[in-house]
Amino acid sequence: MGTKSPSTVTWQVTHIWLVYFVYMLYVAGYMKCAGITVTFLPLNCVPDLSQKSKYNKLFDVIYFSNSMVHLLTPEVKEIFADEAIVIVETAKFMLDLKPEQMQEYLKKITSMAQAAGCKTAGHADGEKDAHAFFTFQR
């Protein structure tokens, strides 16, 4: 997949707008990208994917919204490609949280990503950054 530098990418959209953006550009035919496949999956199918061999090492980029991050478990690493990028939405857009709760949430998702074999890719601030980036390498 080439050089990956997730720490230089700034995401300023929520996961809903990201899905819509990808749909409009790729699925609806506004943009064709050779060699790129976008796979939209049902909400709670992630635990089952690691049980199916056709999904093993398939995904180069995996995105977890803050409402689905509970699915980031050690078992899910089976679907990660050998050099995958894992993007996790932080609590920046959870309006009811205090700054210290946002930082605690970032610690929690970092711990979950590390338990799945990921390493932090650059510094993330739970209050200022919309996403935390991780790399996975077998």
C-alpha atoms as a PDB file:
ATOM      1  CA  MET A   1       0.000   0.000   0.000  1.00  0.00           C
ATOM      2  CA  GLY A   2       2.874   2.488  -0.049  1.00  0.00           C
ATOM      3  CA  THR A   3       4.075   4.881   2.598  1.00  0.00           C
ATOM      4  CA  LYS A   4       1.566   5.469   5.363  1.00  0.00           C
ATOM      5  CA  SER A   5       1.744   8.591   7.421  1.00  0.00           C
ATOM      6  CA  PRO A   6      -1.461   8.790   9.470  1.00  0.00           C
ATOM      7  CA  SER A   7      -0.098  11.362  11.865  1.00  0.00           C
ATOM      8  CA  THR A   8       0.001  13.942   9.056  1.00  0.00           C
ATOM      9  CA  VAL A   9      -3.633  13.463   8.134  1.00  0.00           C
ATOM     10  CA  THR A  10      -6.156  15.717   9.812  1.00  0.00           C
ATOM     11  CA  TRP A  11      -9.724  14.507   9.898  1.00  0.00           C
ATOM     12  CA  GLN A  12     -12.270  17.224  10.506  1.00  0.00           C
ATOM     13  CA  VAL A  13     -15.452  15.270   9.863  1.00  0.00           C
ATOM     14  CA  THR A  14     -17.528  13.026  12.035  1.00  0.00           C
ATOM     15  CA  HIS A  15     -17.938   9.409  11.064  1.00  0.00           C
ATOM     16  CA  ILE A  16     -21.384  10.070   9.587  1.00  0.00           C
ATOM     17  CA  TRP A  17     -20.007  12.661   7.197  1.00  0.00           C
ATOM     18  CA  LEU A  18     -17.044  10.414   6.424  1.00  0.00           C
ATOM     19  CA  VAL A  19     -19.351   7.580   5.393  1.00  0.00           C
ATOM     20  CA  TYR A  20     -21.478   9.960   3.328  1.00  0.00           C
ATOM     21  CA  PHE A  21     -18.382  11.456   1.701  1.00  0.00           C
ATOM     22  CA  VAL A  22     -16.998   8.048   0.757  1.00  0.00           C
ATOM     23  CA  TYR A  23     -20.388   6.960  -0.527  1.00  0.00           C
ATOM     24  CA  MET A  24     -20.823  10.030  -2.719  1.00  0.00           C
ATOM     25  CA  LEU A  25     -17.310   9.916  -4.140  1.00  0.00           C
ATOM     26  CA  TYR A  26     -16.771   6.215  -4.556  1.00  0.00           C
ATOM     27  CA  VAL A  27     -20.017   4.245  -4.470  1.00  0.00           C
ATOM     28  CA  ALA A  28     -22.206   6.759  -6.293  1.00  0.00           C
ATOM     29  CA  GLY A  29     -19.621   6.931  -9.040  1.00  0.00           C
ATOM     30  CA  TYR A  30     -18.293  10.463  -8.638  1.00  0.00           C
ATOM     31  CA  MET A  31     -14.755   9.176  -8.274  1.00  0.00           C
ATOM     32  CA  LYS A  32     -13.222   5.923  -9.472  1.00  0.00           C
ATOM     33  CA  CYS A  33     -10.085   4.654  -7.751  1.00  0.00           C
ATOM     34  CA  ALA A  34      -8.293   1.728  -9.346  1.00  0.00           C
ATOM     35  CA  GLY A  35      -7.273  -0.922  -6.848  1.00  0.00           C
ATOM     36  CA  ILE A  36      -9.342   0.498  -3.982  1.00  0.00           C
ATOM     37  CA  THR A  37     -12.385  -1.194  -2.541  1.00  0.00           C
ATOM     38  CA  VAL A  38     -14.616   0.400   0.077  1.00  0.00           C
ATOM     39  CA  THR A  39     -16.499  -2.143   2.188  1.00  0.00           C
ATOM     40  CA  PHE A  40     -19.442  -1.001   4.294  1.00  0.00           C
ATOM     41  CA  LEU A  41     -20.267  -3.553   6.967  1.00  0.00           C
ATOM     42  CA  PRO A  42     -23.274  -4.111   9.232  1.00  0.00           C
ATOM     43  CA  LEU A  43     -22.842  -2.639  12.694  1.00  0.00           C
ATOM     44  CA  ASN A  44     -22.083  -5.662  14.850  1.00  0.00           C
ATOM     45  CA  CYS A  45     -20.485  -7.997  12.317  1.00  0.00           C
ATOM     46  CA  VAL A  46     -16.871  -7.255  13.320  1.00  0.00           C
ATOM     47  CA  PRO A  47     -16.544 -10.088  15.893  1.00  0.00           C
ATOM     48  CA  ASP A  48     -17.716 -12.582  13.273  1.00  0.00           C
ATOM     49  CA  LEU A  49     -15.256 -11.383  10.613  1.00  0.00           C
ATOM     50  CA  SER A  50     -12.224 -12.721  12.449  1.00  0.00           C
ATOM     51  CA  GLN A  51     -13.816 -16.179  12.343  1.00  0.00           C
ATOM     52  CA  LYS A  52     -14.019 -16.172   8.523  1.00  0.00           C
ATOM     53  CA  SER A  53     -10.818 -16.866   6.614  1.00  0.00           C
ATOM     54  CA  LYS A  54     -11.773 -14.687   3.639  1.00  0.00           C
ATOM     55  CA  TYR A  55     -11.456 -11.604   5.876  1.00  0.00           C
ATOM     56  CA  ASN A  56      -8.092 -12.531   7.435  1.00  0.00           C
ATOM     57  CA  LYS A  57      -5.502  -9.805   6.770  1.00  0.00           C
ATOM     58  CA  LEU A  58      -7.939  -8.065   4.382  1.00  0.00           C
ATOM     59  CA  PHE A  59      -8.341  -4.528   5.743  1.00  0.00           C
ATOM     60  CA  ASP A  60      -5.583  -1.933   5.245  1.00  0.00           C
ATOM     61  CA  VAL A  61      -7.493   0.885   6.966  1.00  0.00           C
ATOM     62  CA  ILE A  62      -9.996   0.253   9.739  1.00  0.00           C
ATOM     63  CA  TYR A  63     -12.165   2.995  11.238  1.00  0.00           C
ATOM     64  CA  PHE A  64     -13.888   2.723  14.617  1.00  0.00           C
ATOM     65  CA  SER A  65     -16.399   5.404  15.571  1.00  0.00           C
ATOM     66  CA  ASN A  66     -16.702   6.146  19.272  1.00  0.00           C
ATOM     67  CA  SER A  67     -20.005   4.250  19.320  1.00  0.00           C
ATOM     68  CA  MET A  68     -18.351   1.112  17.886  1.00  0.00           C
ATOM     69  CA  VAL A  69     -14.937   1.190  19.572  1.00  0.00           C
ATOM     70  CA  HIS A  70     -16.049  -1.560  21.970  1.00  0.00           C
ATOM     71  CA  LEU A  71     -15.477  -3.890  18.997  1.00  0.00           C
ATOM     72  CA  LEU A  72     -11.741  -3.103  19.021  1.00  0.00           C
ATOM     73  CA  THR A  73     -10.614  -6.265  20.794  1.00  0.00           C
ATOM     74  CA  PRO A  74      -7.548  -8.505  20.499  1.00  0.00           C
ATOM     75  CA  GLU A  75      -9.585 -10.955  18.384  1.00  0.00           C
ATOM     76  CA  VAL A  76     -10.291  -8.378  15.675  1.00  0.00           C
ATOM     77  CA  LYS A  77      -6.614  -8.077  14.718  1.00  0.00           C
ATOM     78  CA  GLU A  78      -7.067 -11.144  12.508  1.00  0.00           C
ATOM     79  CA  ILE A  79      -8.792  -8.954   9.906  1.00  0.00           C
ATOM     80  CA  PHE A  80      -6.038  -6.303   9.934  1.00  0.00           C
ATOM     81  CA  ALA A  81      -3.625  -6.375   7.012  1.00  0.00           C
ATOM     82  CA  ASP A  82       0.040  -6.901   7.874  1.00  0.00           C
ATOM     83  CA  GLU A  83       0.611  -3.118   7.962  1.00  0.00           C
ATOM     84  CA  ALA A  84      -2.812  -1.689   8.769  1.00  0.00           C
ATOM     85  CA  ILE A  85      -3.845   1.760   9.914  1.00  0.00           C
ATOM     86  CA  VAL A  86      -6.453   1.868  12.655  1.00  0.00           C
ATOM     87  CA  ILE A  87      -8.372   5.125  13.107  1.00  0.00           C
ATOM     88  CA  VAL A  88     -10.467   5.623  16.240  1.00  0.00           C
ATOM     89  CA  GLU A  89     -12.788   8.554  16.813  1.00  0.00           C
ATOM     90  CA  THR A  90     -12.049  10.395  20.044  1.00  0.00           C
ATOM     91  CA  ALA A  91     -14.562  12.038  22.366  1.00  0.00           C
ATOM     92  CA  LYS A  92     -14.087  15.506  20.837  1.00  0.00           C
ATOM     93  CA  PHE A  93     -17.679  15.650  19.612  1.00  0.00           C
ATOM     94  CA  MET A  94     -19.238  14.173  22.757  1.00  0.00           C
ATOM     95  CA  LEU A  95     -20.565  17.469  24.021  1.00  0.00           C
ATOM     96  CA  ASP A  96     -21.495  16.384  27.547  1.00  0.00           C
ATOM     97  CA  LEU A  97     -17.972  15.376  28.560  1.00  0.00           C
ATOM     98  CA  LYS A  98     -15.525  17.455  30.547  1.00  0.00           C
ATOM     99  CA  PRO A  99     -11.950  17.865  29.238  1.00  0.00           C
ATOM    100  CA  GLU A 100     -10.554  15.396  31.784  1.00  0.00           C
ATOM    101  CA  GLN A 101     -13.171  12.815  30.725  1.00  0.00           C
ATOM    102  CA  MET A 102     -12.122  13.280  27.096  1.00  0.00           C
ATOM    103  CA  GLN A 103      -8.493  12.606  28.033  1.00  0.00           C
ATOM    104  CA  GLU A 104      -9.538   9.536  30.025  1.00  0.00           C
ATOM    105  CA  TYR A 105     -11.507   8.266  27.018  1.00  0.00           C
ATOM    106  CA  LEU A 106      -8.390   8.671  24.855  1.00  0.00           C
ATOM    107  CA  LYS A 107      -6.391   6.622  27.383  1.00  0.00           C
ATOM    108  CA  LYS A 108      -9.076   3.927  27.248  1.00  0.00           C
ATOM    109  CA  ILE A 109      -9.152   3.657  23.444  1.00  0.00           C
ATOM    110  CA  THR A 110      -5.348   3.721  23.348  1.00  0.00           C
ATOM    111  CA  SER A 111      -5.304   0.828  25.794  1.00  0.00           C
ATOM    112  CA  MET A 112      -7.828  -1.068  23.669  1.00  0.00           C
ATOM    113  CA  ALA A 113      -5.791  -0.504  20.497  1.00  0.00           C
ATOM    114  CA  GLN A 114      -2.603  -1.626  22.227  1.00  0.00           C
ATOM    115  CA  ALA A 115      -4.352  -4.776  23.468  1.00  0.00           C
ATOM    116  CA  ALA A 116      -5.180  -5.488  19.807  1.00  0.00           C
ATOM    117  CA  GLY A 117      -1.495  -5.183  18.891  1.00  0.00           C
ATOM    118  CA  CYS A 118      -1.510  -1.592  17.639  1.00  0.00           C
ATOM    119  CA  LYS A 119       1.014   1.143  18.293  1.00  0.00           C
ATOM    120  CA  THR A 120       0.266   4.842  18.598  1.00  0.00           C
ATOM    121  CA  ALA A 121       1.026   6.794  15.417  1.00  0.00           C
ATOM    122  CA  GLY A 122       1.734  10.303  16.620  1.00  0.00           C
ATOM    123  CA  HIS A 123       0.396  12.299  19.522  1.00  0.00           C
ATOM    124  CA  ALA A 124      -3.357  12.664  20.005  1.00  0.00           C
ATOM    125  CA  ASP A 125      -5.208  15.014  22.334  1.00  0.00           C
ATOM    126  CA  GLY A 126      -8.579  13.736  23.512  1.00  0.00           C
ATOM    127  CA  GLU A 127     -10.027  17.239  23.634  1.00  0.00           C
ATOM    128  CA  LYS A 128      -8.553  18.790  20.474  1.00  0.00           C
ATOM    129  CA  ASP A 129      -8.210  15.886  18.024  1.00  0.00           C
ATOM    130  CA  ALA A 130     -11.184  14.202  16.394  1.00  0.00           C
ATOM    131  CA  HIS A 131      -9.291  10.953  15.791  1.00  0.00           C
ATOM    132  CA  ALA A 132      -6.471   8.897  17.212  1.00  0.00           C
ATOM    133  CA  PHE A 133      -4.285   7.016  14.748  1.00  0.00           C
ATOM    134  CA  PHE A 134      -2.642   3.671  15.326  1.00  0.00           C
ATOM    135  CA  THR A 135      -0.542   1.317  13.243  1.00  0.00           C
ATOM    136  CA  PHE A 136      -0.647  -2.444  13.280  1.00  0.00           C
ATOM    137  CA  GLN A 137       2.246  -4.560  12.136  1.00  0.00           C
ATOM    138  CA  ARG A 138       2.592  -8.331  12.255  1.00  0.00           C
END
